[in-house]
Amino acid sequence: MTSADQVVEFDLCLASAREGDSDAFGLLWKRFHTKLTAYARRLDPIDYDDIVSETWIGVHSAVARFYGSEEDFEAFLRSICRRRAVDSWRRKRRIGWEELAEDRPQSAEPTPEEAISSLEDLRYVKELIGRLPKRQRAIVTCRYLYQLSYAEAAVFCGSKEGSLRIANHRALENLARYADQVFDPDGVGSSIRGGRG
């Protein structure tokens, strides 16, 4: 079978699956399941089977709205799979901000993490995170909103753990600087502390 035939076969199969044809959806499953399983295993070597099952359930619900090439479909599968992996990690962890705060030693100067968690208005948190470069925004979201470990966040972000730790540190420094600008726009507090300008 030529690559052109494969494209036609995929397009016909996808069109039928969008119309609710379970046999066509089964062919999609057969074509992509092995790759999807390998990808899920990299994201979560323990619970990858559950993640793959939940991914296919999500694909079944969303396939009627999907239009694109075979490569687009693979990206669509990976995207759903990543979200299901994050859901799985979050279910395993279930750690709230309060529990994290109890485990941290108290200090006179709040850490950037404490500053973020103590902001009263979620709008400010979103604004601060929204100012970060895209990669730093993804890392902060993984670490502090999804509460992933460095190793899990590195897999999710497609990065090495050491590199992610450095980027996370820079992101927190940026957030602390942005918080200073929001809550102390004249820089009075920073100059008194002799800190960031």
C-alpha atoms as a PDB file:
ATOM      1  CA  MET A   1       0.000   0.000   0.000  1.00  0.00           C
ATOM      2  CA  THR A   2       1.423   3.402  -1.002  1.00  0.00           C
ATOM      3  CA  SER A   3       1.536   6.402   1.341  1.00  0.00           C
ATOM      4  CA  ALA A   4      -1.174   8.056  -0.773  1.00  0.00           C
ATOM      5  CA  ASP A   5      -3.408   5.003  -0.263  1.00  0.00           C
ATOM      6  CA  GLN A   6      -2.731   5.178   3.489  1.00  0.00           C
ATOM      7  CA  VAL A   7      -3.802   8.848   3.550  1.00  0.00           C
ATOM      8  CA  VAL A   8      -7.031   8.021   1.718  1.00  0.00           C
ATOM      9  CA  GLU A   9      -7.652   5.034   4.006  1.00  0.00           C
ATOM     10  CA  PHE A  10      -7.096   7.188   7.122  1.00  0.00           C
ATOM     11  CA  ASP A  11      -9.357   9.981   5.818  1.00  0.00           C
ATOM     12  CA  LEU A  12     -12.185   7.535   5.030  1.00  0.00           C
ATOM     13  CA  CYS A  13     -11.778   5.756   8.362  1.00  0.00           C
ATOM     14  CA  LEU A  14     -11.793   9.037  10.298  1.00  0.00           C
ATOM     15  CA  ALA A  15     -14.860  10.302   8.408  1.00  0.00           C
ATOM     16  CA  SER A  16     -16.740   7.098   9.256  1.00  0.00           C
ATOM     17  CA  ALA A  17     -15.620   7.246  12.897  1.00  0.00           C
ATOM     18  CA  ARG A  18     -16.899  10.834  13.094  1.00  0.00           C
ATOM     19  CA  GLU A  19     -20.285   9.535  11.937  1.00  0.00           C
ATOM     20  CA  GLY A  20     -20.336   7.026  14.787  1.00  0.00           C
ATOM     21  CA  ASP A  21     -19.144   3.918  12.917  1.00  0.00           C
ATOM     22  CA  SER A  22     -17.730   1.684  15.675  1.00  0.00           C
ATOM     23  CA  ASP A  23     -15.844  -0.515  13.175  1.00  0.00           C
ATOM     24  CA  ALA A  24     -14.050   2.542  11.794  1.00  0.00           C
ATOM     25  CA  PHE A  25     -13.199   3.677  15.327  1.00  0.00           C
ATOM     26  CA  GLY A  26     -11.861   0.162  15.957  1.00  0.00           C
ATOM     27  CA  LEU A  27      -9.571   0.533  12.939  1.00  0.00           C
ATOM     28  CA  LEU A  28      -8.274   3.833  14.343  1.00  0.00           C
ATOM     29  CA  TRP A  29      -7.671   2.084  17.658  1.00  0.00           C
ATOM     30  CA  LYS A  30      -5.796  -0.735  15.898  1.00  0.00           C
ATOM     31  CA  ARG A  31      -3.665   1.729  13.932  1.00  0.00           C
ATOM     32  CA  PHE A  32      -2.628   3.984  16.820  1.00  0.00           C
ATOM     33  CA  HIS A  33      -2.967   1.927  20.006  1.00  0.00           C
ATOM     34  CA  THR A  34       0.615   0.587  20.120  1.00  0.00           C
ATOM     35  CA  LYS A  35       2.156   4.043  19.645  1.00  0.00           C
ATOM     36  CA  LEU A  36      -0.216   5.562  22.175  1.00  0.00           C
ATOM     37  CA  THR A  37       0.603   2.867  24.734  1.00  0.00           C
ATOM     38  CA  ALA A  38       4.349   3.463  24.304  1.00  0.00           C
ATOM     39  CA  TYR A  39       3.808   7.207  24.779  1.00  0.00           C
ATOM     40  CA  ALA A  40       1.642   6.688  27.888  1.00  0.00           C
ATOM     41  CA  ARG A  41       4.217   4.288  29.340  1.00  0.00           C
ATOM     42  CA  ARG A  42       6.834   7.069  29.121  1.00  0.00           C
ATOM     43  CA  LEU A  43       4.494   9.444  30.949  1.00  0.00           C
ATOM     44  CA  ASP A  44       3.538   6.972  33.678  1.00  0.00           C
ATOM     45  CA  PRO A  45       5.247   3.562  33.754  1.00  0.00           C
ATOM     46  CA  ILE A  46       2.852   2.293  36.449  1.00  0.00           C
ATOM     47  CA  ASP A  47      -0.664   3.372  35.461  1.00  0.00           C
ATOM     48  CA  TYR A  48      -0.183   3.717  31.703  1.00  0.00           C
ATOM     49  CA  ASP A  49      -2.890   1.122  30.910  1.00  0.00           C
ATOM     50  CA  ASP A  50      -5.538   3.169  32.730  1.00  0.00           C
ATOM     51  CA  ILE A  51      -4.306   6.352  31.057  1.00  0.00           C
ATOM     52  CA  VAL A  52      -4.545   4.742  27.611  1.00  0.00           C
ATOM     53  CA  SER A  53      -8.078   3.514  28.327  1.00  0.00           C
ATOM     54  CA  GLU A  54      -9.163   6.952  29.526  1.00  0.00           C
ATOM     55  CA  THR A  55      -7.497   8.514  26.484  1.00  0.00           C
ATOM     56  CA  TRP A  56      -9.494   6.336  24.081  1.00  0.00           C
ATOM     57  CA  ILE A  57     -12.694   7.160  25.965  1.00  0.00           C
ATOM     58  CA  GLY A  58     -11.850  10.858  25.543  1.00  0.00           C
ATOM     59  CA  VAL A  59     -11.045  10.370  21.857  1.00  0.00           C
ATOM     60  CA  HIS A  60     -14.346   8.555  21.311  1.00  0.00           C
ATOM     61  CA  SER A  61     -16.197  11.515  22.835  1.00  0.00           C
ATOM     62  CA  ALA A  62     -14.258  14.118  20.828  1.00  0.00           C
ATOM     63  CA  VAL A  63     -13.636  12.436  17.460  1.00  0.00           C
ATOM     64  CA  ALA A  64     -16.815  13.868  15.924  1.00  0.00           C
ATOM     65  CA  ARG A  65     -15.298  17.344  16.290  1.00  0.00           C
ATOM     66  CA  PHE A  66     -11.805  16.415  15.022  1.00  0.00           C
ATOM     67  CA  TYR A  67     -10.655  17.380  11.533  1.00  0.00           C
ATOM     68  CA  GLY A  68      -7.104  17.031  10.310  1.00  0.00           C
ATOM     69  CA  SER A  69      -4.387  14.808   8.919  1.00  0.00           C
ATOM     70  CA  GLU A  70      -3.006  11.572  10.351  1.00  0.00           C
ATOM     71  CA  GLU A  71      -0.172  13.569  11.968  1.00  0.00           C
ATOM     72  CA  ASP A  72      -2.740  15.939  13.480  1.00  0.00           C
ATOM     73  CA  PHE A  73      -4.637  12.940  14.836  1.00  0.00           C
ATOM     74  CA  GLU A  74      -1.486  11.592  16.506  1.00  0.00           C
ATOM     75  CA  ALA A  75      -0.912  15.001  18.115  1.00  0.00           C
ATOM     76  CA  PHE A  76      -4.567  15.015  19.177  1.00  0.00           C
ATOM     77  CA  LEU A  77      -4.101  11.593  20.816  1.00  0.00           C
ATOM     78  CA  ARG A  78      -0.921  12.687  22.612  1.00  0.00           C
ATOM     79  CA  SER A  79      -2.613  15.843  23.857  1.00  0.00           C
ATOM     80  CA  ILE A  80      -5.500  13.909  25.404  1.00  0.00           C
ATOM     81  CA  CYS A  81      -3.066  11.345  26.791  1.00  0.00           C
ATOM     82  CA  ARG A  82      -0.967  14.062  28.489  1.00  0.00           C
ATOM     83  CA  ARG A  83      -4.087  15.510  30.112  1.00  0.00           C
ATOM     84  CA  ARG A  84      -5.145  12.066  31.345  1.00  0.00           C
ATOM     85  CA  ALA A  85      -1.624  11.481  32.731  1.00  0.00           C
ATOM     86  CA  VAL A  86      -1.790  14.764  34.629  1.00  0.00           C
ATOM     87  CA  ASP A  87      -5.225  13.790  35.964  1.00  0.00           C
ATOM     88  CA  SER A  88      -3.742  10.484  37.104  1.00  0.00           C
ATOM     89  CA  TRP A  89      -0.808  12.196  38.830  1.00  0.00           C
ATOM     90  CA  ARG A  90      -3.163  14.622  40.551  1.00  0.00           C
ATOM     91  CA  ARG A  91      -5.388  11.806  41.799  1.00  0.00           C
ATOM     92  CA  LYS A  92      -2.325  10.122  43.289  1.00  0.00           C
ATOM     93  CA  ARG A  93      -1.108  13.207  45.051  1.00  0.00           C
ATOM     94  CA  ARG A  94      -4.089  15.229  46.300  1.00  0.00           C
ATOM     95  CA  ILE A  95      -1.872  17.689  48.191  1.00  0.00           C
ATOM     96  CA  GLY A  96      -3.380  21.101  48.933  1.00  0.00           C
ATOM     97  CA  TRP A  97      -1.619  24.427  49.384  1.00  0.00           C
ATOM     98  CA  GLU A  98      -2.312  24.261  53.128  1.00  0.00           C
ATOM     99  CA  GLU A  99      -0.527  20.922  53.532  1.00  0.00           C
ATOM    100  CA  LEU A 100       2.453  22.202  51.573  1.00  0.00           C
ATOM    101  CA  ALA A 101       2.580  25.308  53.763  1.00  0.00           C
ATOM    102  CA  GLU A 102       2.526  23.198  56.956  1.00  0.00           C
ATOM    103  CA  ASP A 103       5.534  21.193  55.765  1.00  0.00           C
ATOM    104  CA  ARG A 104       7.638  24.272  54.963  1.00  0.00           C
ATOM    105  CA  PRO A 105       9.879  25.802  57.622  1.00  0.00           C
ATOM    106  CA  GLN A 106       8.810  29.300  58.628  1.00  0.00           C
ATOM    107  CA  SER A 107      11.100  32.221  57.794  1.00  0.00           C
ATOM    108  CA  ALA A 108      10.950  35.978  58.197  1.00  0.00           C
ATOM    109  CA  GLU A 109      11.084  36.551  54.435  1.00  0.00           C
ATOM    110  CA  PRO A 110       8.398  34.597  52.531  1.00  0.00           C
ATOM    111  CA  THR A 111       9.622  32.374  49.714  1.00  0.00           C
ATOM    112  CA  PRO A 112       8.269  33.021  46.209  1.00  0.00           C
ATOM    113  CA  GLU A 113       6.040  29.939  46.596  1.00  0.00           C
ATOM    114  CA  GLU A 114       4.551  31.354  49.824  1.00  0.00           C
ATOM    115  CA  ALA A 115       4.041  34.728  48.173  1.00  0.00           C
ATOM    116  CA  ILE A 116       2.146  33.082  45.324  1.00  0.00           C
ATOM    117  CA  SER A 117      -0.009  30.929  47.596  1.00  0.00           C
ATOM    118  CA  SER A 118      -0.859  33.818  49.909  1.00  0.00           C
ATOM    119  CA  LEU A 119      -2.113  36.168  47.189  1.00  0.00           C
ATOM    120  CA  GLU A 120      -5.721  36.949  48.013  1.00  0.00           C
ATOM    121  CA  ASP A 121      -7.048  37.324  44.523  1.00  0.00           C
ATOM    122  CA  LEU A 122      -6.710  34.530  41.974  1.00  0.00           C
ATOM    123  CA  ARG A 123      -6.814  37.178  39.244  1.00  0.00           C
ATOM    124  CA  TYR A 124      -3.405  38.412  40.396  1.00  0.00           C
ATOM    125  CA  VAL A 125      -1.994  34.885  40.334  1.00  0.00           C
ATOM    126  CA  LYS A 126      -3.232  34.391  36.765  1.00  0.00           C
ATOM    127  CA  GLU A 127      -1.845  37.767  35.765  1.00  0.00           C
ATOM    128  CA  LEU A 128       1.563  36.982  37.278  1.00  0.00           C
ATOM    129  CA  ILE A 129       1.807  33.533  35.718  1.00  0.00           C
ATOM    130  CA  GLY A 130       0.594  34.949  32.400  1.00  0.00           C
ATOM    131  CA  ARG A 131       3.631  37.264  32.297  1.00  0.00           C
ATOM    132  CA  LEU A 132       6.064  34.345  32.306  1.00  0.00           C
ATOM    133  CA  PRO A 133       7.624  33.000  29.112  1.00  0.00           C
ATOM    134  CA  LYS A 134       5.725  29.994  27.750  1.00  0.00           C
ATOM    135  CA  ARG A 135       8.138  27.332  29.085  1.00  0.00           C
ATOM    136  CA  GLN A 136       8.307  28.861  32.570  1.00  0.00           C
ATOM    137  CA  ARG A 137       4.502  29.178  32.596  1.00  0.00           C
ATOM    138  CA  ALA A 138       4.192  25.451  31.800  1.00  0.00           C
ATOM    139  CA  ILE A 139       6.675  24.533  34.541  1.00  0.00           C
ATOM    140  CA  VAL A 140       4.951  26.633  37.206  1.00  0.00           C
ATOM    141  CA  THR A 141       1.591  25.185  36.187  1.00  0.00           C
ATOM    142  CA  CYS A 142       2.922  21.621  36.461  1.00  0.00           C
ATOM    143  CA  ARG A 143       4.745  22.147  39.749  1.00  0.00           C
ATOM    144  CA  TYR A 144       2.353  24.351  41.727  1.00  0.00           C
ATOM    145  CA  LEU A 145      -1.086  23.961  40.171  1.00  0.00           C
ATOM    146  CA  TYR A 146      -0.924  20.288  39.116  1.00  0.00           C
ATOM    147  CA  GLN A 147       1.479  19.613  42.055  1.00  0.00           C
ATOM    148  CA  LEU A 148       3.735  17.331  40.037  1.00  0.00           C
ATOM    149  CA  SER A 149       7.191  16.271  41.192  1.00  0.00           C
ATOM    150  CA  TYR A 150      10.205  17.569  39.262  1.00  0.00           C
ATOM    151  CA  ALA A 151      10.550  14.181  37.548  1.00  0.00           C
ATOM    152  CA  GLU A 152       6.877  14.149  36.483  1.00  0.00           C
ATOM    153  CA  ALA A 153       6.976  17.781  35.348  1.00  0.00           C
ATOM    154  CA  ALA A 154      10.126  17.063  33.316  1.00  0.00           C
ATOM    155  CA  VAL A 155       8.334  14.271  31.442  1.00  0.00           C
ATOM    156  CA  PHE A 156       5.268  16.457  30.872  1.00  0.00           C
ATOM    157  CA  CYS A 157       7.355  19.415  29.618  1.00  0.00           C
ATOM    158  CA  GLY A 158       9.722  17.250  27.548  1.00  0.00           C
ATOM    159  CA  SER A 159      12.746  18.450  29.494  1.00  0.00           C
ATOM    160  CA  LYS A 160      15.576  17.016  31.597  1.00  0.00           C
ATOM    161  CA  GLU A 161      14.954  17.223  35.319  1.00  0.00           C
ATOM    162  CA  GLY A 162      18.073  19.315  36.054  1.00  0.00           C
ATOM    163  CA  SER A 163      17.198  21.803  33.331  1.00  0.00           C
ATOM    164  CA  LEU A 164      13.625  22.001  34.613  1.00  0.00           C
ATOM    165  CA  ARG A 165      14.822  22.737  38.177  1.00  0.00           C
ATOM    166  CA  ILE A 166      16.896  25.660  36.912  1.00  0.00           C
ATOM    167  CA  ALA A 167      14.005  26.976  34.796  1.00  0.00           C
ATOM    168  CA  ASN A 168      11.653  26.584  37.776  1.00  0.00           C
ATOM    169  CA  HIS A 169      14.013  28.629  39.962  1.00  0.00           C
ATOM    170  CA  ARG A 170      14.147  31.388  37.326  1.00  0.00           C
ATOM    171  CA  ALA A 171      10.358  31.300  36.974  1.00  0.00           C
ATOM    172  CA  LEU A 172       9.934  31.780  40.737  1.00  0.00           C
ATOM    173  CA  GLU A 173      12.399  34.683  40.698  1.00  0.00           C
ATOM    174  CA  ASN A 174      10.414  36.265  37.871  1.00  0.00           C
ATOM    175  CA  LEU A 175       7.145  35.741  39.751  1.00  0.00           C
ATOM    176  CA  ALA A 176       8.608  37.350  42.869  1.00  0.00           C
ATOM    177  CA  ARG A 177       9.745  40.330  40.796  1.00  0.00           C
ATOM    178  CA  TYR A 178       6.324  40.607  39.106  1.00  0.00           C
ATOM    179  CA  ALA A 179       4.617  40.397  42.510  1.00  0.00           C
ATOM    180  CA  ASP A 180       6.811  43.271  43.732  1.00  0.00           C
ATOM    181  CA  GLN A 181       5.707  45.315  40.715  1.00  0.00           C
ATOM    182  CA  VAL A 182       2.022  44.571  41.329  1.00  0.00           C
ATOM    183  CA  PHE A 183       1.984  45.110  45.100  1.00  0.00           C
ATOM    184  CA  ASP A 184       4.837  47.622  45.421  1.00  0.00           C
ATOM    185  CA  PRO A 185       4.882  49.517  42.097  1.00  0.00           C
ATOM    186  CA  ASP A 186       7.147  52.280  43.431  1.00  0.00           C
ATOM    187  CA  GLY A 187       9.790  49.760  44.522  1.00  0.00           C
ATOM    188  CA  VAL A 188       9.863  51.066  48.099  1.00  0.00           C
ATOM    189  CA  GLY A 189       9.866  47.608  49.684  1.00  0.00           C
ATOM    190  CA  SER A 190      12.582  46.326  47.358  1.00  0.00           C
ATOM    191  CA  SER A 191      14.862  49.276  48.051  1.00  0.00           C
ATOM    192  CA  ILE A 192      14.358  48.902  51.822  1.00  0.00           C
ATOM    193  CA  ARG A 193      15.221  45.201  51.604  1.00  0.00           C
ATOM    194  CA  GLY A 194      18.118  45.997  49.302  1.00  0.00           C
ATOM    195  CA  GLY A 195      16.758  43.322  46.973  1.00  0.00           C
ATOM    196  CA  ARG A 196      15.640  43.153  43.424  1.00  0.00           C
ATOM    197  CA  GLY A 197      15.384  46.397  41.520  1.00  0.00           C
END
